[in-house]
């Protein structure tokens, strides 16, 4: 029971880390795109 809960917790943690990483990449990409667009115009 405890082992299963721990496994589920680690699964949730790894999934959350991947989601946060993807969100971070999107934010950085959008920020860089906006900065590039601002310097061009």
Protein backbone atom coordinates (compact mmCIF):
# COMPACT_ATOMS: atom_id res chain seq x y z
CA UNK A 1 0.00 0.00 0.00
CA UNK A 2 2.71 2.48 1.02
CA UNK A 3 4.93 1.44 -1.90
CA UNK A 4 2.05 1.99 -4.37
CA UNK A 5 1.35 5.43 -2.91
CA UNK A 6 5.04 6.33 -3.18
CA UNK A 7 5.11 5.10 -6.79
CA UNK A 8 2.07 7.23 -7.61
CA UNK A 9 3.69 10.22 -5.91
CA UNK A 10 6.87 9.86 -7.98
CA UNK A 11 4.78 9.41 -11.13
CA UNK A 12 2.90 12.63 -10.33
CA UNK A 13 6.16 14.44 -9.54
CA UNK A 14 7.84 13.42 -12.80
CA UNK A 15 4.72 14.36 -14.79
CA UNK A 16 4.53 17.74 -13.04
CA UNK A 17 8.23 18.36 -13.73
CA UNK A 18 7.77 17.61 -17.45
CA UNK A 19 4.72 19.91 -17.63
CA UNK A 20 6.57 22.71 -15.82
CA UNK A 21 9.60 22.25 -18.11
CA UNK A 22 7.41 22.49 -21.23
CA UNK A 23 5.60 25.59 -19.88
CA UNK A 24 9.00 27.17 -19.11
CA UNK A 25 10.23 26.47 -22.64
CA UNK A 26 7.08 28.01 -24.15
CA UNK A 27 7.41 31.14 -21.96
CA UNK A 28 11.11 31.55 -22.92
CA UNK A 29 10.30 31.01 -26.62
CA UNK A 30 7.47 33.58 -26.56
CA UNK A 31 9.63 36.09 -24.64
CA UNK A 32 12.53 35.70 -27.11
CA UNK A 33 10.13 36.00 -30.08
CA UNK A 34 8.64 39.21 -28.66
CA UNK A 35 12.12 40.65 -27.98
CA UNK A 36 13.26 39.86 -31.54
CA UNK A 37 10.10 41.36 -33.02
CA UNK A 38 10.56 44.53 -30.95
CA UNK A 39 14.16 45.09 -32.09
CA UNK A 40 13.23 44.62 -35.78
CA UNK A 41 10.36 47.13 -35.83
